[in-house]
Amino acid sequence: TRAEELVALSETIKILNDDDALDLFKSTLPSASASFMEVASGRANLRARAMEVVRRISVKAARTDRPELDLIMLALHGKKVGFDKVIAMIDKMILTLKTEQKDDDQKLTYCNKQLDASDDKKKALERKIADHETEMASAEEAISTLAEEIASLKAGITALDKSVAEATETRRKEHEEFKNLMASNAAAKEVLEFAKNRLNRFYNPKLHKAAPKPEAQAEGQAFAQVSQHNHHTDAPPPPPETYGAYSKKSEESSGVIEMINLLIKDLDKEMTVASTEEKDAQGDYTALMSDSAEKRAADSKSLSEKEGAKANTEAALEKHSDDKDAASKELGTTVAYIASLHGECDFIMQYHGARQEARSSEIDALGQAKAVLSGADFSLLQQPMRTARAALRGTR
């Protein structure tokens, strides 16, 4: 205990101050007792000064550094631990503080580097996602436009096919009507010619055209096609006797024949007009078919190209969508990594300067404590020499 220590020191001093001991010291080591007491007092004083320095450090030190400081204070408080061991402990702690500061510096460099790189990567991914979104919007607009154009082309082709079919049916009907008209007019004209020829046989024999034999049979067949009655090809029986002898009425017969000629002329004119119209209609139809075929081929080619472009644009849209999803996933991972970096680095980045300053102060203070203790060791070596020199001067 402290009391026992004081008793031991008191007894030791009493022994050393004994007359016999003093005489012995004077003959062997002048003023040795005084020197010993001065040394003991100096060591206690240095120990106290060192403890005061360490105590000031301990008050300001971080919690993680306090156990080492407590051990140094405990070593200084005890009387059995020499200064060399305490100085070694101080050197070790200074080395620890410097190592910790080096680790903090490396950690700060790592954090700054990683945060900068991660932030650059985050911005690059955000730009990449924005670019994909722009491309996707453009692709969607292009697909919508192509879809409308494709629908319009399909509708146009359908309408063209329908109009061609209608024109073809109309042309067929017109051609049938033309053929029927020509056949009917030809038959009517033949009947009129037959009738006129028959009148000429009686009234104008010189204009009569003999029919090929058998005449009666041929004339009967031709007349039967229009009138649907049976006519005899023989000359009619002589008229019955009436009011006198029969006489030809040439003027009246000429009027009838002229009327037949007018009818035949009208039929010829109608047939000529019909033939001209048929030819024109067929030409128009042929041109329509050619133009329609050309337009349909062009529209079909354009339709195929637009469908191919739409398919390619849809594939590009899908790729942009996949790339955007991948970039978004990578961005999420990067953001999470940045958050973890902040959790790991915010403290060191915020308090690095303060920690560095505190460690520097601790290292300086520990250096002062070490200097105090080192000075104590030096003084212990020098104190006996000064005492001896003083004793020698006193004996002279």
Foldseek 3Di string as FASTA:
>chain_A
DVVVVVVVVVVVLVVCPDPVNQVVCCVPANPVSVLVVVLVVLLLVLLVVLLVLLVVLLVLDDPVLNVLSVVLNVLSVDPVRALVVSLVSLVVSLVVLVVVLVVLVVLQVVLVVLLVVLVVLLVVLVVLLVVLVVLLVVLVVLLVVLVVLLVVLVVVLVVLVVVLVVLVVVLVVLVVVLVVLVVVLVLLLVLLVLVLLVLCVPQPVVPHDDDDPVRQVVSQVSVCVPPVDGDGPDDDDDDDDDDDDDDDDNVVSVVVSVVSVVSNVVSVVVNVVSVVVSVVSVVVSVVSVVVSVVVSVVSVVVSVVSVVVSVVSVVVSVVSVVVSVVSVVVSVVSVVVSVVSCVVPVVSVVCVVVSVVSSVSSSVSSVVSSVSSVVSVVCVVCSSVVSSVVSVVVVD
